[in-house]
N, C-alpha and C. Protein backbone atom coordinates (compact mmCIF):
# COMPACT_ATOMS: atom_id res chain seq x y z
N MET A 1 22.90 -23.21 -34.08
CA MET A 1 21.83 -23.19 -35.29
C MET A 1 21.92 -23.63 -36.63
N ASN A 2 23.54 -23.42 -36.80
CA ASN A 2 23.38 -24.06 -38.11
C ASN A 2 23.75 -25.42 -38.35
N LYS A 3 24.35 -26.33 -36.87
CA LYS A 3 24.58 -27.59 -37.04
C LYS A 3 23.31 -28.32 -36.57
N TYR A 4 22.37 -27.72 -36.32
CA TYR A 4 20.97 -28.26 -36.18
C TYR A 4 20.16 -28.36 -37.61
N ILE A 5 20.39 -26.81 -38.42
CA ILE A 5 20.15 -26.79 -40.01
C ILE A 5 20.68 -27.98 -41.10
N ALA A 6 21.75 -28.14 -40.66
CA ALA A 6 22.67 -29.16 -41.53
C ALA A 6 22.39 -30.32 -41.49
N GLN A 7 22.04 -31.30 -39.60
CA GLN A 7 21.46 -32.19 -39.44
C GLN A 7 20.05 -32.71 -40.06
N ALA A 8 19.28 -31.66 -39.88
CA ALA A 8 17.79 -31.79 -40.38
C ALA A 8 17.71 -31.46 -41.98
N ILE A 9 18.71 -30.88 -42.98
CA ILE A 9 18.81 -31.01 -44.22
C ILE A 9 19.08 -32.69 -44.60
N LYS A 10 20.41 -33.54 -43.81
CA LYS A 10 20.89 -34.52 -44.26
C LYS A 10 19.43 -35.69 -43.62
N ALA A 11 18.84 -35.84 -43.02
CA ALA A 11 18.03 -36.64 -42.00
C ALA A 11 16.80 -36.29 -43.08
N ALA A 12 16.20 -35.34 -43.92
CA ALA A 12 15.34 -34.98 -44.63
C ALA A 12 15.27 -36.09 -46.36
N GLY A 13 17.08 -36.11 -46.64
CA GLY A 13 17.20 -36.84 -47.65
C GLY A 13 17.12 -36.13 -48.74
N PRO A 14 17.00 -36.94 -50.41
CA PRO A 14 16.66 -36.19 -51.26
C PRO A 14 15.94 -35.28 -51.57
N LEU A 15 15.67 -34.30 -52.07
CA LEU A 15 14.43 -33.93 -51.98
C LEU A 15 13.93 -34.19 -53.90
N ASN A 16 13.00 -34.25 -54.00
CA ASN A 16 12.08 -34.72 -55.32
C ASN A 16 12.59 -33.24 -56.06
N ALA A 17 13.44 -32.61 -56.50
CA ALA A 17 13.76 -31.44 -57.12
C ALA A 17 14.93 -31.48 -58.12
N PRO A 18 15.29 -30.71 -58.93
CA PRO A 18 16.66 -30.67 -59.60
C PRO A 18 17.62 -30.12 -58.46
N LYS A 19 19.14 -30.49 -58.42
CA LYS A 19 19.99 -30.42 -57.06
C LYS A 19 20.03 -28.67 -57.64
N ALA A 20 20.20 -28.08 -56.32
CA ALA A 20 20.38 -26.90 -56.26
C ALA A 20 21.27 -26.44 -55.14
N LYS A 21 22.46 -25.21 -55.60
CA LYS A 21 22.60 -24.94 -54.23
C LYS A 21 22.45 -22.75 -54.19
N GLY A 22 22.17 -22.95 -52.92
CA GLY A 22 21.79 -21.67 -52.53
C GLY A 22 21.20 -21.43 -51.44
N THR A 23 20.79 -20.37 -50.96
CA THR A 23 20.19 -19.77 -49.45
C THR A 23 18.83 -19.43 -49.88
N VAL A 24 17.68 -20.08 -48.89
CA VAL A 24 16.43 -19.81 -48.44
C VAL A 24 16.59 -18.97 -47.06
N VAL A 25 16.09 -17.67 -47.19
CA VAL A 25 15.87 -17.06 -46.20
C VAL A 25 14.56 -17.26 -45.38
N VAL A 26 14.40 -17.20 -44.03
CA VAL A 26 12.90 -17.47 -43.32
C VAL A 26 12.89 -16.82 -42.64
N GLY A 27 12.16 -16.09 -42.19
CA GLY A 27 11.79 -15.05 -41.19
C GLY A 27 10.78 -15.69 -40.00
N CYS A 28 11.06 -15.14 -38.88
CA CYS A 28 10.13 -15.90 -37.90
C CYS A 28 10.20 -14.33 -36.95
N ALA A 29 8.75 -14.74 -36.31
CA ALA A 29 8.74 -13.94 -35.47
C ALA A 29 8.33 -14.96 -33.96
N PHE A 30 8.74 -13.99 -33.01
CA PHE A 30 9.01 -15.07 -31.27
C PHE A 30 8.28 -13.96 -30.42
N ASP A 31 7.48 -15.13 -29.84
CA ASP A 31 6.55 -14.20 -28.37
C ASP A 31 7.95 -14.08 -27.67
N CYS A 32 7.26 -13.46 -26.14
CA CYS A 32 7.98 -13.05 -25.17
C CYS A 32 8.59 -14.44 -24.23
N ASN A 33 8.12 -15.38 -24.55
CA ASN A 33 8.56 -16.43 -24.09
C ASN A 33 9.88 -17.31 -25.12
N GLY A 34 9.80 -16.62 -26.57
CA GLY A 34 10.91 -17.21 -26.79
C GLY A 34 10.29 -18.78 -27.99
N LYS A 35 8.78 -18.65 -28.16
CA LYS A 35 7.96 -19.72 -28.34
C LYS A 35 7.73 -19.19 -30.08
N MET A 36 7.95 -19.70 -31.20
CA MET A 36 8.02 -19.44 -32.64
C MET A 36 6.37 -19.11 -33.00
N LEU A 37 5.96 -17.69 -33.42
CA LEU A 37 4.57 -17.59 -33.45
C LEU A 37 3.89 -17.73 -34.76
N LYS A 38 5.33 -17.45 -35.70
CA LYS A 38 4.79 -17.18 -37.41
C LYS A 38 5.84 -17.51 -38.04
N SER A 39 6.29 -18.16 -39.17
CA SER A 39 7.29 -18.26 -40.02
C SER A 39 6.82 -17.83 -41.11
N MET A 40 7.97 -17.37 -41.94
CA MET A 40 7.41 -16.99 -43.57
C MET A 40 8.72 -17.06 -44.32
N LEU A 41 8.85 -16.96 -45.70
CA LEU A 41 9.56 -16.96 -46.58
C LEU A 41 9.92 -15.50 -46.75
N GLU A 42 11.27 -15.41 -46.87
CA GLU A 42 11.85 -13.82 -47.18
C GLU A 42 12.13 -14.05 -48.74
N ILE A 43 11.49 -13.36 -49.58
CA ILE A 43 11.42 -13.55 -51.21
C ILE A 43 12.26 -12.36 -51.30
N SER A 44 13.70 -12.51 -51.94
CA SER A 44 14.51 -12.23 -52.86
C SER A 44 13.85 -11.10 -53.83
N ASN A 45 14.06 -9.67 -54.11
CA ASN A 45 13.91 -9.18 -55.71
C ASN A 45 14.92 -9.21 -56.28
N ASP A 46 16.31 -9.34 -55.72
CA ASP A 46 17.52 -9.03 -56.04
C ASP A 46 17.77 -9.75 -57.79
N ALA A 47 18.14 -9.43 -58.44
CA ALA A 47 18.19 -10.30 -59.93
C ALA A 47 19.66 -10.85 -59.89
N ALA A 48 20.58 -10.80 -59.08
CA ALA A 48 21.68 -11.53 -58.60
C ALA A 48 21.47 -12.50 -57.42
N THR A 49 20.33 -12.62 -57.59
CA THR A 49 19.98 -13.80 -56.31
C THR A 49 18.63 -14.44 -56.40
N PRO A 50 19.03 -15.48 -57.63
CA PRO A 50 17.80 -16.44 -58.13
C PRO A 50 17.10 -16.98 -57.03
N ALA A 51 16.02 -16.96 -57.24
CA ALA A 51 15.07 -17.69 -56.02
C ALA A 51 15.30 -19.48 -56.50
N MET A 52 15.50 -20.24 -55.20
CA MET A 52 15.37 -21.04 -54.96
C MET A 52 14.36 -22.46 -55.63
N PRO A 53 14.25 -23.42 -56.02
CA PRO A 53 13.01 -24.13 -56.34
C PRO A 53 12.03 -24.42 -55.20
N GLU A 54 10.66 -24.49 -55.46
CA GLU A 54 9.90 -24.29 -54.53
C GLU A 54 10.26 -25.48 -53.04
N ALA A 55 10.42 -26.59 -53.77
CA ALA A 55 10.88 -27.86 -53.20
C ALA A 55 12.12 -27.42 -51.56
N TYR A 56 13.07 -26.99 -52.25
CA TYR A 56 13.94 -26.22 -51.22
C TYR A 56 13.22 -25.01 -49.96
N GLN A 57 12.68 -24.47 -50.57
CA GLN A 57 11.95 -23.07 -50.02
C GLN A 57 11.12 -24.20 -48.90
N GLN A 58 10.16 -25.15 -49.41
CA GLN A 58 9.12 -25.91 -48.44
C GLN A 58 10.03 -26.37 -47.37
N GLN A 59 11.18 -27.08 -47.84
CA GLN A 59 11.86 -28.21 -46.80
C GLN A 59 12.91 -26.59 -45.89
N ALA A 60 13.13 -25.81 -46.40
CA ALA A 60 13.43 -24.93 -45.45
C ALA A 60 12.78 -24.40 -44.54
N LEU A 61 11.73 -24.27 -44.98
CA LEU A 61 10.38 -23.41 -43.95
C LEU A 61 10.17 -24.96 -42.99
N ALA A 62 9.84 -25.85 -43.43
CA ALA A 62 9.54 -26.99 -42.34
C ALA A 62 10.73 -27.13 -41.43
N ILE A 63 12.04 -27.32 -41.56
CA ILE A 63 13.31 -27.04 -40.89
C ILE A 63 13.03 -26.13 -39.74
N VAL A 64 12.83 -24.57 -40.57
CA VAL A 64 12.88 -23.69 -39.02
C VAL A 64 11.41 -23.72 -38.51
N LYS A 65 10.66 -24.19 -38.83
CA LYS A 65 9.62 -24.46 -37.96
C LYS A 65 9.34 -25.49 -36.76
N SER A 66 10.49 -26.72 -37.63
CA SER A 66 10.64 -27.93 -36.21
C SER A 66 11.57 -27.20 -35.02
N PHE A 67 12.38 -26.20 -35.30
CA PHE A 67 13.09 -25.50 -34.07
C PHE A 67 12.62 -25.76 -32.95
N PRO A 68 13.33 -25.98 -31.88
CA PRO A 68 13.02 -25.85 -30.40
C PRO A 68 12.46 -24.57 -30.15
N THR A 69 12.06 -24.03 -28.63
CA THR A 69 12.01 -23.44 -28.09
C THR A 69 13.28 -22.22 -28.02
N PHE A 70 13.30 -20.93 -28.30
CA PHE A 70 14.36 -20.26 -28.25
C PHE A 70 14.34 -19.77 -26.70
N LEU A 71 15.53 -19.02 -26.72
CA LEU A 71 15.81 -18.15 -25.37
C LEU A 71 14.79 -16.89 -25.86
N PRO A 72 14.31 -16.24 -25.09
CA PRO A 72 13.42 -14.92 -25.59
C PRO A 72 14.79 -13.74 -25.64
N GLY A 73 14.04 -12.58 -26.55
CA GLY A 73 14.97 -11.79 -26.30
C GLY A 73 14.70 -10.93 -25.14
N TYR A 74 15.43 -10.05 -24.55
CA TYR A 74 15.46 -8.94 -24.01
C TYR A 74 16.43 -7.62 -24.32
N LEU A 75 15.20 -6.78 -23.43
CA LEU A 75 15.52 -5.36 -23.63
C LEU A 75 15.47 -4.32 -22.42
N ASN A 76 16.63 -3.95 -21.85
CA ASN A 76 16.04 -3.22 -20.45
C ASN A 76 15.49 -4.21 -19.39
N GLY A 77 16.39 -5.46 -19.66
CA GLY A 77 15.86 -6.81 -18.13
C GLY A 77 14.34 -6.93 -18.43
N ARG A 78 13.58 -7.09 -19.71
CA ARG A 78 12.14 -7.42 -19.71
C ARG A 78 12.67 -8.42 -21.22
N THR A 79 11.49 -8.89 -20.78
CA THR A 79 11.60 -10.24 -22.07
C THR A 79 11.00 -9.25 -23.61
N ILE A 80 11.18 -9.56 -24.45
CA ILE A 80 10.64 -8.83 -25.63
C ILE A 80 10.16 -10.15 -26.83
N CYS A 81 9.24 -9.18 -27.41
CA CYS A 81 8.66 -10.41 -28.97
C CYS A 81 10.08 -9.85 -29.82
N THR A 82 10.31 -10.45 -30.75
CA THR A 82 11.39 -10.41 -31.56
C THR A 82 11.11 -10.87 -33.26
N PHE A 83 11.77 -10.81 -33.99
CA PHE A 83 11.77 -11.22 -35.78
C PHE A 83 13.39 -11.15 -35.91
N ILE A 84 13.72 -12.22 -36.32
CA ILE A 84 15.19 -12.54 -36.78
C ILE A 84 14.68 -13.27 -38.53
N LYS A 85 15.94 -13.38 -38.75
CA LYS A 85 16.01 -13.86 -40.36
C LYS A 85 16.93 -15.08 -40.52
N ILE A 86 16.65 -16.29 -40.47
CA ILE A 86 17.49 -17.45 -40.26
C ILE A 86 17.71 -17.62 -41.71
N PRO A 87 18.75 -17.86 -42.32
CA PRO A 87 19.53 -18.37 -43.75
C PRO A 87 19.50 -19.62 -43.73
N VAL A 88 19.07 -20.38 -44.46
CA VAL A 88 19.19 -22.19 -44.66
C VAL A 88 20.11 -22.11 -45.85
N GLN A 89 21.05 -22.89 -45.76
CA GLN A 89 21.96 -23.09 -47.21
C GLN A 89 22.07 -24.56 -47.81
N PHE A 90 21.89 -24.71 -48.59
CA PHE A 90 21.54 -25.90 -49.69
C PHE A 90 22.96 -25.86 -50.19
N ARG A 91 24.04 -27.17 -49.99
CA ARG A 91 25.20 -26.72 -51.10
C ARG A 91 24.86 -28.27 -51.76
């Protein structure tokens, strides 16, 4: 997953925003077949973790939305809907 994210950031090219380093966390809900149902930015209220500029947040969201179908989650041998948080790091 990290390799996919790194390649997508490089492919997107430079952003129309001041250069920044940090992490944007995207929360994703998946159905029982591994298809992404919803993705949303996870906003930190921690003063030690400043928010990334809007352009970086939107790029992280677009990268995560471009992911292929995931393997579904399993519990007791049955597929289940899942929710995960995906960190997208900008360096």
